[in-house]
N, C-alpha and C. Protein backbone atom coordinates (compact mmCIF):
# COMPACT_ATOMS: atom_id res chain seq x y z
N MET A 1 -34.33 54.10 22.81
CA MET A 1 -35.04 53.03 22.17
C MET A 1 -34.19 52.42 21.04
N PHE A 2 -33.58 53.30 20.25
CA PHE A 2 -32.70 52.81 19.18
C PHE A 2 -31.54 52.00 19.78
N ARG A 3 -31.06 52.46 20.90
CA ARG A 3 -29.96 51.79 21.57
C ARG A 3 -30.36 50.40 22.05
N LEU A 4 -31.57 50.25 22.55
CA LEU A 4 -32.09 48.97 23.02
C LEU A 4 -32.26 48.00 21.85
N SER A 5 -32.75 48.47 20.73
CA SER A 5 -32.91 47.63 19.54
C SER A 5 -31.56 47.16 19.01
N PHE A 6 -30.62 48.06 19.02
CA PHE A 6 -29.29 47.70 18.56
C PHE A 6 -28.67 46.60 19.44
N LEU A 7 -28.83 46.72 20.75
CA LEU A 7 -28.32 45.70 21.67
C LEU A 7 -29.03 44.37 21.47
N ASN A 8 -30.33 44.40 21.21
CA ASN A 8 -31.07 43.16 20.94
C ASN A 8 -30.56 42.48 19.68
N ILE A 9 -30.30 43.25 18.66
CA ILE A 9 -29.79 42.68 17.40
C ILE A 9 -28.42 42.05 17.62
N VAL A 10 -27.53 42.75 18.33
CA VAL A 10 -26.20 42.23 18.60
C VAL A 10 -26.30 40.96 19.44
N PHE A 11 -27.20 40.95 20.43
CA PHE A 11 -27.39 39.78 21.28
C PHE A 11 -27.88 38.58 20.46
N LEU A 12 -28.85 38.79 19.57
CA LEU A 12 -29.37 37.71 18.72
C LEU A 12 -28.29 37.17 17.78
N MET A 13 -27.48 38.06 17.25
CA MET A 13 -26.39 37.61 16.37
C MET A 13 -25.38 36.78 17.16
N PHE A 14 -25.08 37.19 18.36
CA PHE A 14 -24.14 36.46 19.21
C PHE A 14 -24.67 35.05 19.52
N ILE A 15 -25.95 34.95 19.84
CA ILE A 15 -26.56 33.64 20.15
C ILE A 15 -26.53 32.74 18.93
N SER A 16 -26.88 33.26 17.76
CA SER A 16 -26.89 32.42 16.57
C SER A 16 -25.47 31.99 16.19
N ALA A 17 -24.48 32.84 16.39
CA ALA A 17 -23.10 32.47 16.10
C ALA A 17 -22.62 31.37 17.03
N CYS A 18 -22.99 31.45 18.29
CA CYS A 18 -22.60 30.41 19.24
C CYS A 18 -23.22 29.07 18.89
N ALA A 19 -24.45 29.08 18.46
CA ALA A 19 -25.13 27.84 18.10
C ALA A 19 -24.45 27.21 16.89
N THR A 20 -24.04 28.01 15.94
CA THR A 20 -23.37 27.49 14.76
C THR A 20 -22.05 26.85 15.13
N VAL A 21 -21.28 27.46 15.99
CA VAL A 21 -19.99 26.93 16.40
C VAL A 21 -20.17 25.60 17.13
N ASP A 22 -21.18 25.52 18.01
CA ASP A 22 -21.41 24.29 18.75
C ASP A 22 -21.75 23.13 17.82
N ILE A 23 -22.54 23.36 16.80
CA ILE A 23 -22.94 22.30 15.88
C ILE A 23 -21.76 21.85 15.02
N SER A 24 -20.99 22.79 14.50
CA SER A 24 -19.89 22.41 13.61
C SER A 24 -18.74 21.74 14.35
N ASN A 25 -18.62 21.97 15.65
CA ASN A 25 -17.55 21.34 16.41
C ASN A 25 -18.00 20.08 17.12
N SER A 26 -19.05 19.49 16.64
CA SER A 26 -19.60 18.28 17.25
C SER A 26 -18.60 17.14 17.15
N PRO A 27 -18.36 16.40 18.25
CA PRO A 27 -17.40 15.29 18.20
C PRO A 27 -17.83 14.17 17.27
N VAL A 28 -19.12 13.97 17.08
CA VAL A 28 -19.60 12.93 16.18
C VAL A 28 -19.20 13.26 14.74
N ALA A 29 -19.33 14.51 14.36
CA ALA A 29 -18.97 14.91 12.99
C ALA A 29 -17.48 14.69 12.75
N LYS A 30 -16.63 15.00 13.75
CA LYS A 30 -15.20 14.80 13.59
C LYS A 30 -14.84 13.33 13.40
N SER A 31 -15.39 12.45 14.22
CA SER A 31 -15.04 11.04 14.12
C SER A 31 -15.51 10.44 12.82
N GLU A 32 -16.69 10.81 12.35
CA GLU A 32 -17.16 10.30 11.06
C GLU A 32 -16.26 10.77 9.93
N MET A 33 -15.85 12.03 10.00
CA MET A 33 -15.00 12.56 8.95
C MET A 33 -13.65 11.87 8.96
N SER A 34 -13.05 11.66 10.11
CA SER A 34 -11.73 11.02 10.15
C SER A 34 -11.81 9.57 9.70
N ASN A 35 -12.92 8.86 9.99
CA ASN A 35 -13.08 7.49 9.51
C ASN A 35 -13.14 7.44 8.00
N ASP A 36 -13.86 8.39 7.39
CA ASP A 36 -13.95 8.43 5.93
C ASP A 36 -12.58 8.67 5.30
N ILE A 37 -11.84 9.63 5.87
CA ILE A 37 -10.51 9.94 5.33
C ILE A 37 -9.60 8.73 5.48
N GLU A 38 -9.63 8.09 6.65
CA GLU A 38 -8.79 6.92 6.88
C GLU A 38 -9.16 5.78 5.93
N GLU A 39 -10.45 5.57 5.72
CA GLU A 39 -10.89 4.49 4.84
C GLU A 39 -10.42 4.72 3.42
N GLU A 40 -10.47 5.96 2.96
CA GLU A 40 -10.08 6.26 1.59
C GLU A 40 -8.59 6.03 1.37
N ASN A 41 -7.78 6.21 2.40
CA ASN A 41 -6.34 6.14 2.22
C ASN A 41 -5.71 4.83 2.67
N ILE A 42 -6.47 3.89 3.15
CA ILE A 42 -5.91 2.66 3.73
C ILE A 42 -5.05 1.88 2.73
N VAL A 43 -5.47 1.80 1.51
CA VAL A 43 -4.72 1.05 0.49
C VAL A 43 -3.44 1.80 0.14
N ARG A 44 -3.56 3.09 -0.07
CA ARG A 44 -2.38 3.87 -0.43
C ARG A 44 -1.36 3.91 0.70
N LYS A 45 -1.83 3.99 1.95
CA LYS A 45 -0.91 4.01 3.09
C LYS A 45 -0.15 2.69 3.19
N ALA A 46 -0.85 1.58 3.09
CA ALA A 46 -0.20 0.27 3.19
C ALA A 46 0.78 0.07 2.04
N SER A 47 0.40 0.47 0.84
CA SER A 47 1.29 0.32 -0.32
C SER A 47 2.52 1.20 -0.18
N ALA A 48 2.33 2.41 0.32
CA ALA A 48 3.47 3.32 0.49
C ALA A 48 4.43 2.80 1.55
N ARG A 49 3.88 2.25 2.63
CA ARG A 49 4.74 1.66 3.67
C ARG A 49 5.54 0.50 3.10
N LEU A 50 4.88 -0.36 2.33
CA LEU A 50 5.57 -1.50 1.71
C LEU A 50 6.72 -1.00 0.83
N ALA A 51 6.42 -0.04 -0.04
CA ALA A 51 7.45 0.47 -0.95
C ALA A 51 8.61 1.10 -0.19
N ALA A 52 8.32 1.82 0.88
CA ALA A 52 9.38 2.46 1.67
C ALA A 52 10.28 1.42 2.34
N VAL A 53 9.68 0.42 2.94
CA VAL A 53 10.46 -0.62 3.62
C VAL A 53 11.29 -1.41 2.61
N PHE A 54 10.68 -1.76 1.50
CA PHE A 54 11.40 -2.54 0.49
C PHE A 54 12.56 -1.74 -0.09
N SER A 55 12.36 -0.45 -0.30
CA SER A 55 13.42 0.39 -0.84
C SER A 55 14.53 0.58 0.19
N LYS A 56 14.15 0.84 1.45
CA LYS A 56 15.14 1.05 2.52
C LYS A 56 16.01 -0.18 2.72
N ASN A 57 15.40 -1.36 2.68
CA ASN A 57 16.13 -2.60 2.89
C ASN A 57 16.72 -3.19 1.61
N ARG A 58 16.56 -2.49 0.51
CA ARG A 58 17.07 -2.89 -0.80
C ARG A 58 16.49 -4.21 -1.30
N PHE A 59 15.28 -4.56 -0.83
CA PHE A 59 14.61 -5.74 -1.37
C PHE A 59 14.22 -5.46 -2.82
N ALA A 60 13.84 -4.21 -3.09
CA ALA A 60 13.50 -3.76 -4.43
C ALA A 60 13.99 -2.33 -4.55
N VAL A 61 14.53 -1.98 -5.70
CA VAL A 61 15.10 -0.66 -5.89
C VAL A 61 14.03 0.28 -6.42
N LYS A 62 13.86 1.41 -5.74
CA LYS A 62 12.89 2.41 -6.16
C LYS A 62 13.41 3.15 -7.38
N ASN A 63 12.49 3.51 -8.28
CA ASN A 63 12.81 4.27 -9.49
C ASN A 63 13.78 3.54 -10.41
N ASN A 64 13.60 2.26 -10.54
CA ASN A 64 14.42 1.46 -11.44
C ASN A 64 14.11 1.87 -12.88
N LYS A 65 15.12 2.02 -13.71
CA LYS A 65 14.93 2.45 -15.10
C LYS A 65 14.11 1.44 -15.90
N LYS A 66 14.28 0.16 -15.62
CA LYS A 66 13.56 -0.85 -16.37
C LYS A 66 12.22 -1.19 -15.73
N GLN A 67 11.85 -0.46 -14.70
CA GLN A 67 10.66 -0.82 -13.92
C GLN A 67 9.39 -0.82 -14.76
N MET A 68 9.21 0.15 -15.61
CA MET A 68 7.97 0.22 -16.39
C MET A 68 7.88 -0.91 -17.41
N GLN A 69 8.99 -1.28 -18.03
CA GLN A 69 8.98 -2.41 -18.96
C GLN A 69 8.71 -3.70 -18.20
N PHE A 70 9.29 -3.77 -17.04
CA PHE A 70 9.17 -4.95 -16.19
C PHE A 70 7.74 -5.10 -15.65
N ALA A 71 7.05 -3.98 -15.44
CA ALA A 71 5.73 -3.99 -14.79
C ALA A 71 4.70 -4.81 -15.56
N ALA A 72 4.66 -4.68 -16.85
CA ALA A 72 3.65 -5.40 -17.64
C ALA A 72 3.81 -6.91 -17.48
N LYS A 73 5.03 -7.40 -17.53
CA LYS A 73 5.28 -8.83 -17.36
C LYS A 73 4.86 -9.29 -15.97
N VAL A 74 5.22 -8.50 -14.97
CA VAL A 74 4.94 -8.85 -13.58
C VAL A 74 3.45 -8.95 -13.34
N LEU A 75 2.71 -7.97 -13.82
CA LEU A 75 1.27 -7.93 -13.57
C LEU A 75 0.55 -9.06 -14.28
N LEU A 76 1.05 -9.48 -15.40
CA LEU A 76 0.38 -10.55 -16.14
C LEU A 76 0.76 -11.93 -15.64
N LYS A 77 2.06 -12.21 -15.57
CA LYS A 77 2.46 -13.59 -15.26
C LYS A 77 3.56 -13.71 -14.23
N GLY A 78 4.12 -12.62 -13.80
CA GLY A 78 5.24 -12.72 -12.86
C GLY A 78 6.55 -12.92 -13.60
N LEU A 79 7.58 -13.18 -12.85
CA LEU A 79 8.90 -13.36 -13.45
C LEU A 79 9.04 -14.76 -14.04
N SER A 80 9.69 -14.83 -15.19
CA SER A 80 9.99 -16.15 -15.74
C SER A 80 11.22 -16.69 -15.03
N ASP A 81 11.45 -17.97 -15.15
CA ASP A 81 12.59 -18.59 -14.49
C ASP A 81 13.89 -17.98 -14.98
N ASN A 82 14.80 -17.78 -14.05
CA ASN A 82 16.15 -17.28 -14.34
C ASN A 82 16.18 -15.89 -14.98
N GLU A 83 15.13 -15.11 -14.82
CA GLU A 83 15.12 -13.77 -15.39
C GLU A 83 15.89 -12.83 -14.48
N VAL A 84 16.80 -12.07 -15.05
CA VAL A 84 17.57 -11.10 -14.28
C VAL A 84 16.90 -9.75 -14.44
N ILE A 85 16.68 -9.07 -13.33
CA ILE A 85 15.97 -7.80 -13.37
C ILE A 85 16.90 -6.67 -13.80
N ASN A 86 17.93 -6.45 -13.02
CA ASN A 86 18.83 -5.34 -13.27
C ASN A 86 19.97 -5.47 -12.28
N ASN A 87 21.17 -5.08 -12.65
CA ASN A 87 22.30 -5.18 -11.73
C ASN A 87 22.08 -4.43 -10.44
N SER A 88 21.41 -3.26 -10.51
CA SER A 88 21.19 -2.48 -9.29
C SER A 88 20.25 -3.19 -8.33
N ASP A 89 19.36 -4.05 -8.85
CA ASP A 89 18.47 -4.81 -7.99
C ASP A 89 19.20 -5.93 -7.26
N GLN A 90 20.34 -6.29 -7.75
CA GLN A 90 21.09 -7.38 -7.14
C GLN A 90 21.88 -6.92 -5.93
N SER A 91 21.85 -5.64 -5.58
CA SER A 91 22.63 -5.16 -4.45
C SER A 91 22.23 -5.85 -3.15
N TYR A 92 20.98 -6.22 -3.00
CA TYR A 92 20.57 -6.98 -1.82
C TYR A 92 21.28 -8.33 -1.80
N VAL A 93 21.30 -8.98 -2.92
CA VAL A 93 21.92 -10.31 -3.01
C VAL A 93 23.41 -10.20 -2.73
N GLU A 94 24.04 -9.17 -3.22
CA GLU A 94 25.48 -9.00 -3.00
C GLU A 94 25.80 -8.79 -1.53
N THR A 95 24.90 -8.18 -0.79
CA THR A 95 25.19 -7.87 0.62
C THR A 95 24.77 -8.98 1.58
N VAL A 96 23.97 -9.92 1.11
CA VAL A 96 23.51 -11.01 1.98
C VAL A 96 24.69 -11.91 2.32
N ASP A 97 24.81 -12.24 3.64
CA ASP A 97 25.95 -13.06 4.03
C ASP A 97 25.56 -14.36 4.72
N ASN A 98 24.29 -14.51 5.15
CA ASN A 98 23.91 -15.78 5.74
C ASN A 98 22.42 -16.05 5.58
N LEU A 99 22.06 -17.30 5.73
CA LEU A 99 20.70 -17.76 5.51
C LEU A 99 19.72 -17.15 6.51
N GLU A 100 20.09 -17.07 7.77
CA GLU A 100 19.17 -16.56 8.80
C GLU A 100 18.76 -15.12 8.52
N ASN A 101 19.69 -14.28 8.07
CA ASN A 101 19.35 -12.90 7.73
C ASN A 101 18.36 -12.85 6.56
N THR A 102 18.58 -13.69 5.58
CA THR A 102 17.69 -13.73 4.43
C THR A 102 16.28 -14.16 4.85
N LEU A 103 16.20 -15.21 5.65
CA LEU A 103 14.88 -15.68 6.11
C LEU A 103 14.19 -14.62 6.97
N SER A 104 14.96 -13.92 7.78
CA SER A 104 14.40 -12.83 8.59
C SER A 104 13.85 -11.71 7.69
N ASP A 105 14.61 -11.37 6.66
CA ASP A 105 14.16 -10.34 5.71
C ASP A 105 12.89 -10.78 4.98
N ILE A 106 12.82 -12.04 4.63
CA ILE A 106 11.62 -12.56 3.94
C ILE A 106 10.41 -12.46 4.87
N ARG A 107 10.60 -12.76 6.14
CA ARG A 107 9.49 -12.64 7.11
C ARG A 107 9.03 -11.18 7.23
N ILE A 108 9.97 -10.25 7.27
CA ILE A 108 9.63 -8.82 7.33
C ILE A 108 8.85 -8.42 6.08
N ALA A 109 9.35 -8.82 4.93
CA ALA A 109 8.68 -8.49 3.67
C ALA A 109 7.28 -9.10 3.63
N SER A 110 7.14 -10.32 4.12
CA SER A 110 5.83 -10.99 4.14
C SER A 110 4.82 -10.21 4.96
N LEU A 111 5.27 -9.69 6.11
CA LEU A 111 4.36 -8.90 6.94
C LEU A 111 3.82 -7.69 6.20
N HIS A 112 4.68 -7.02 5.46
CA HIS A 112 4.25 -5.82 4.73
C HIS A 112 3.34 -6.17 3.54
N VAL A 113 3.65 -7.24 2.86
CA VAL A 113 2.79 -7.66 1.75
C VAL A 113 1.42 -8.08 2.30
N LYS A 114 1.41 -8.80 3.40
CA LYS A 114 0.16 -9.24 4.01
C LYS A 114 -0.69 -8.05 4.44
N LYS A 115 -0.07 -7.05 5.07
CA LYS A 115 -0.81 -5.85 5.47
C LYS A 115 -1.41 -5.14 4.26
N THR A 116 -0.66 -5.07 3.20
CA THR A 116 -1.15 -4.42 1.98
C THR A 116 -2.31 -5.21 1.39
N VAL A 117 -2.17 -6.52 1.31
CA VAL A 117 -3.24 -7.37 0.77
C VAL A 117 -4.49 -7.26 1.64
N ASP A 118 -4.31 -7.38 2.95
CA ASP A 118 -5.47 -7.30 3.85
C ASP A 118 -6.17 -5.95 3.75
N SER A 119 -5.40 -4.88 3.69
CA SER A 119 -5.98 -3.54 3.55
C SER A 119 -6.76 -3.41 2.25
N ALA A 120 -6.17 -3.91 1.17
CA ALA A 120 -6.83 -3.82 -0.14
C ALA A 120 -8.10 -4.65 -0.18
N GLU A 121 -8.05 -5.86 0.37
CA GLU A 121 -9.24 -6.71 0.38
C GLU A 121 -10.34 -6.11 1.24
N LEU A 122 -9.97 -5.56 2.38
CA LEU A 122 -10.95 -4.91 3.25
C LEU A 122 -11.56 -3.70 2.55
N TYR A 123 -10.73 -2.90 1.95
CA TYR A 123 -11.22 -1.70 1.24
C TYR A 123 -12.17 -2.10 0.11
N LEU A 124 -11.78 -3.10 -0.64
CA LEU A 124 -12.59 -3.53 -1.78
C LEU A 124 -13.95 -4.07 -1.33
N SER A 125 -13.99 -4.74 -0.19
CA SER A 125 -15.24 -5.35 0.26
C SER A 125 -16.14 -4.38 1.04
N THR A 126 -15.57 -3.31 1.61
CA THR A 126 -16.38 -2.43 2.46
C THR A 126 -16.54 -1.01 1.93
N ALA A 127 -15.71 -0.59 1.02
CA ALA A 127 -15.77 0.80 0.55
C ALA A 127 -17.02 1.03 -0.29
N ALA A 128 -17.55 2.21 -0.14
CA ALA A 128 -18.69 2.60 -0.96
C ALA A 128 -18.23 2.71 -2.42
N THR A 129 -19.13 2.43 -3.32
CA THR A 129 -18.81 2.51 -4.74
C THR A 129 -18.45 3.96 -5.08
N LYS A 130 -17.37 4.12 -5.82
CA LYS A 130 -16.98 5.47 -6.23
C LYS A 130 -16.61 5.46 -7.70
N ASN A 131 -16.42 6.64 -8.24
CA ASN A 131 -16.20 6.77 -9.68
C ASN A 131 -14.87 6.21 -10.15
N SER A 132 -13.83 6.37 -9.35
CA SER A 132 -12.51 5.95 -9.80
C SER A 132 -11.73 5.29 -8.67
N TYR A 133 -11.07 4.21 -9.02
CA TYR A 133 -10.18 3.51 -8.09
C TYR A 133 -8.75 3.60 -8.61
N MET A 134 -8.48 4.55 -9.47
CA MET A 134 -7.18 4.64 -10.13
C MET A 134 -6.03 4.88 -9.15
N GLU A 135 -6.24 5.73 -8.14
CA GLU A 135 -5.16 6.00 -7.19
C GLU A 135 -4.79 4.73 -6.41
N GLU A 136 -5.80 4.01 -5.96
CA GLU A 136 -5.56 2.77 -5.24
C GLU A 136 -4.91 1.73 -6.16
N LEU A 137 -5.40 1.64 -7.39
CA LEU A 137 -4.85 0.69 -8.35
C LEU A 137 -3.38 0.99 -8.63
N TYR A 138 -3.07 2.26 -8.83
CA TYR A 138 -1.68 2.65 -9.08
C TYR A 138 -0.79 2.27 -7.90
N SER A 139 -1.26 2.55 -6.68
CA SER A 139 -0.49 2.20 -5.48
C SER A 139 -0.26 0.71 -5.38
N LEU A 140 -1.29 -0.07 -5.67
CA LEU A 140 -1.16 -1.53 -5.61
C LEU A 140 -0.22 -2.05 -6.69
N GLU A 141 -0.28 -1.46 -7.87
CA GLU A 141 0.63 -1.89 -8.94
C GLU A 141 2.07 -1.65 -8.54
N GLN A 142 2.35 -0.49 -7.91
CA GLN A 142 3.71 -0.20 -7.46
C GLN A 142 4.15 -1.18 -6.38
N ALA A 143 3.23 -1.49 -5.47
CA ALA A 143 3.54 -2.46 -4.41
C ALA A 143 3.81 -3.84 -5.00
N LEU A 144 3.02 -4.21 -6.02
CA LEU A 144 3.21 -5.51 -6.67
C LEU A 144 4.55 -5.59 -7.39
N ILE A 145 4.92 -4.53 -8.06
CA ILE A 145 6.21 -4.51 -8.76
C ILE A 145 7.34 -4.67 -7.75
N ALA A 146 7.28 -3.91 -6.66
CA ALA A 146 8.33 -4.01 -5.62
C ALA A 146 8.35 -5.41 -5.02
N SER A 147 7.19 -5.98 -4.80
CA SER A 147 7.11 -7.33 -4.20
C SER A 147 7.68 -8.38 -5.12
N ARG A 148 7.42 -8.26 -6.42
CA ARG A 148 7.97 -9.23 -7.39
C ARG A 148 9.48 -9.09 -7.52
N MET A 149 9.95 -7.85 -7.49
CA MET A 149 11.41 -7.65 -7.54
C MET A 149 12.06 -8.27 -6.31
N ALA A 150 11.44 -8.07 -5.16
CA ALA A 150 11.97 -8.65 -3.93
C ALA A 150 11.93 -10.17 -3.98
N LEU A 151 10.89 -10.73 -4.60
CA LEU A 151 10.79 -12.18 -4.75
C LEU A 151 12.01 -12.72 -5.48
N GLN A 152 12.39 -12.06 -6.55
CA GLN A 152 13.56 -12.48 -7.31
C GLN A 152 14.83 -12.31 -6.49
N ALA A 153 14.93 -11.19 -5.77
CA ALA A 153 16.11 -10.96 -4.93
C ALA A 153 16.22 -12.00 -3.82
N PHE A 154 15.08 -12.33 -3.20
CA PHE A 154 15.09 -13.34 -2.14
C PHE A 154 15.48 -14.72 -2.69
N GLU A 155 14.94 -15.04 -3.87
CA GLU A 155 15.28 -16.32 -4.48
C GLU A 155 16.78 -16.42 -4.73
N ASP A 156 17.35 -15.36 -5.30
CA ASP A 156 18.79 -15.35 -5.57
C ASP A 156 19.60 -15.42 -4.28
N ALA A 157 19.12 -14.72 -3.24
CA ALA A 157 19.84 -14.72 -1.96
C ALA A 157 19.79 -16.10 -1.29
N LEU A 158 18.64 -16.77 -1.39
CA LEU A 158 18.53 -18.11 -0.81
C LEU A 158 19.45 -19.09 -1.53
N ILE A 159 19.50 -18.99 -2.84
CA ILE A 159 20.38 -19.87 -3.61
C ILE A 159 21.84 -19.59 -3.25
N LYS A 160 22.16 -18.31 -3.08
CA LYS A 160 23.54 -17.94 -2.72
C LYS A 160 23.92 -18.47 -1.34
N THR A 161 23.01 -18.36 -0.37
CA THR A 161 23.36 -18.71 1.01
C THR A 161 23.12 -20.17 1.38
N SER A 162 22.21 -20.85 0.63
CA SER A 162 21.91 -22.24 1.02
C SER A 162 21.92 -23.22 -0.15
N GLY A 163 21.86 -22.69 -1.35
CA GLY A 163 21.84 -23.58 -2.51
C GLY A 163 20.45 -23.99 -2.96
N ASN A 164 19.39 -23.58 -2.23
CA ASN A 164 18.03 -23.93 -2.66
C ASN A 164 17.03 -22.90 -2.12
N THR A 165 15.78 -23.06 -2.52
CA THR A 165 14.72 -22.14 -2.10
C THR A 165 13.61 -22.87 -1.35
N ASN A 166 13.88 -24.06 -0.89
CA ASN A 166 12.85 -24.86 -0.21
C ASN A 166 12.71 -24.47 1.25
N PHE A 167 12.17 -23.29 1.48
CA PHE A 167 11.96 -22.79 2.84
C PHE A 167 10.52 -22.32 2.96
N GLU A 168 9.94 -22.58 4.11
CA GLU A 168 8.54 -22.20 4.35
C GLU A 168 8.35 -20.69 4.21
N GLU A 169 9.31 -19.90 4.71
CA GLU A 169 9.20 -18.45 4.62
C GLU A 169 9.09 -17.98 3.18
N PHE A 170 9.88 -18.59 2.31
CA PHE A 170 9.86 -18.20 0.90
C PHE A 170 8.54 -18.61 0.25
N SER A 171 8.06 -19.78 0.58
CA SER A 171 6.77 -20.25 0.05
C SER A 171 5.63 -19.34 0.48
N ILE A 172 5.63 -18.96 1.75
CA ILE A 172 4.59 -18.05 2.26
C ILE A 172 4.67 -16.72 1.53
N TYR A 173 5.88 -16.21 1.35
CA TYR A 173 6.05 -14.93 0.66
C TYR A 173 5.51 -15.01 -0.78
N LYS A 174 5.86 -16.08 -1.49
CA LYS A 174 5.37 -16.25 -2.87
C LYS A 174 3.85 -16.25 -2.92
N ASN A 175 3.22 -16.95 -1.97
CA ASN A 175 1.75 -16.99 -1.93
C ASN A 175 1.15 -15.62 -1.65
N LEU A 176 1.79 -14.86 -0.78
CA LEU A 176 1.30 -13.51 -0.48
C LEU A 176 1.42 -12.61 -1.71
N VAL A 177 2.51 -12.74 -2.43
CA VAL A 177 2.68 -11.94 -3.66
C VAL A 177 1.60 -12.31 -4.68
N ASP A 178 1.27 -13.58 -4.77
CA ASP A 178 0.18 -13.99 -5.66
C ASP A 178 -1.16 -13.40 -5.22
N ARG A 179 -1.39 -13.36 -3.91
CA ARG A 179 -2.62 -12.73 -3.40
C ARG A 179 -2.64 -11.23 -3.72
N LEU A 180 -1.47 -10.59 -3.62
CA LEU A 180 -1.38 -9.17 -3.97
C LEU A 180 -1.69 -8.96 -5.44
N ARG A 181 -1.20 -9.86 -6.28
CA ARG A 181 -1.51 -9.78 -7.71
C ARG A 181 -3.02 -9.92 -7.94
N ASP A 182 -3.63 -10.87 -7.23
CA ASP A 182 -5.07 -11.11 -7.41
C ASP A 182 -5.91 -9.92 -6.97
N VAL A 183 -5.55 -9.32 -5.83
CA VAL A 183 -6.34 -8.17 -5.37
C VAL A 183 -6.09 -6.95 -6.26
N THR A 184 -4.89 -6.84 -6.81
CA THR A 184 -4.61 -5.77 -7.76
C THR A 184 -5.47 -5.94 -9.01
N ASN A 185 -5.58 -7.18 -9.48
CA ASN A 185 -6.45 -7.46 -10.62
C ASN A 185 -7.91 -7.15 -10.30
N SER A 186 -8.33 -7.42 -9.06
CA SER A 186 -9.70 -7.09 -8.66
C SER A 186 -9.94 -5.59 -8.69
N PHE A 187 -8.96 -4.81 -8.26
CA PHE A 187 -9.09 -3.35 -8.35
C PHE A 187 -9.14 -2.92 -9.80
N SER A 188 -8.35 -3.57 -10.64
CA SER A 188 -8.37 -3.24 -12.07
C SER A 188 -9.75 -3.52 -12.67
N ASP A 189 -10.32 -4.67 -12.32
CA ASP A 189 -11.67 -5.01 -12.80
C ASP A 189 -12.69 -3.99 -12.31
N ARG A 190 -12.58 -3.61 -11.05
CA ARG A 190 -13.52 -2.63 -10.48
C ARG A 190 -13.39 -1.29 -11.20
N THR A 191 -12.15 -0.92 -11.54
CA THR A 191 -11.90 0.34 -12.25
C THR A 191 -12.53 0.30 -13.64
N ILE A 192 -12.40 -0.83 -14.31
CA ILE A 192 -12.95 -0.96 -15.66
C ILE A 192 -14.49 -0.89 -15.62
N THR A 193 -15.11 -1.55 -14.64
CA THR A 193 -16.57 -1.56 -14.59
C THR A 193 -17.17 -0.23 -14.14
N ASN A 194 -16.38 0.58 -13.44
CA ASN A 194 -16.88 1.90 -13.03
C ASN A 194 -16.45 2.90 -14.03
């Protein structure tokens, strides 16, 4: 009799353990969880991709010594006319040899800035209210700094290769950088109000 009770207890424990495993491994729970994780990181992922591409292609130099001093000016008003960033930032300009390569690079940069802006705008309009947006804001500020540095590098490269900056690609890029600035400011406002 004791043996039969013991087997019943073991059997009941086995059944309850199986039920728990089935519920926790539900495919609906997994997809909801992965969507939440993806949504939280969309801004940081896009900003990190932008920074990596810009650094790899030398559009903007990562870990620039003057970057933090430069950041405040960029976030408020952008670069003033004829402002030189740093000699190390000019390495892109020094290596540029023709107009077509420069315009191609500007198109590549525009795609990354657009993806970052679109991701940030989507996140801002659809994300649930949370206590802090500081991580996203920091990522966007870094992307904005890199984008502004690249703007100056592209301007210098266009002047070097063609003598002017009157190109549709450059105009589109400038507008995208302004949109990135605006969405970064929106994240800053959201951070202040929360």
